[in-house]
């Protein structure tokens, strides 16, 4: 799934995969959802770490790479790897934060199964 966060307007735009995994409608993502609305789909235990990583990426104008869990009615609980980057405008202020994610749930389940078999 892919997203672009307009930091100044606090609007997250995303594709159908983002909609499925984060439990927001495609219409919400086409018009832009707040970051806080998206954060509600992240597992409660993972939220503080994800918030900190996002804040650091914005402060440092750098990249973001985190593994965390998201929950939606359609997909259930999934483990994802999210990668993004903060880009600045012409005056050096944080402006855009595009990114993507992949589902690691199957890989994580296979790894856990292999560890149990050892």
Foldseek 3Di string as FASTA:
>chain_A
DKWKAFVVVQFIADDPVLCQQQVHDNVSNNVGDGVVSSLVQFPPVCSVVQVVQVVVLQVVQFKGWDWTWGAYPRPGIFIKIKIWGFDADPVRHTTMIMIDMDTCRVVVVVVVVVVVVD
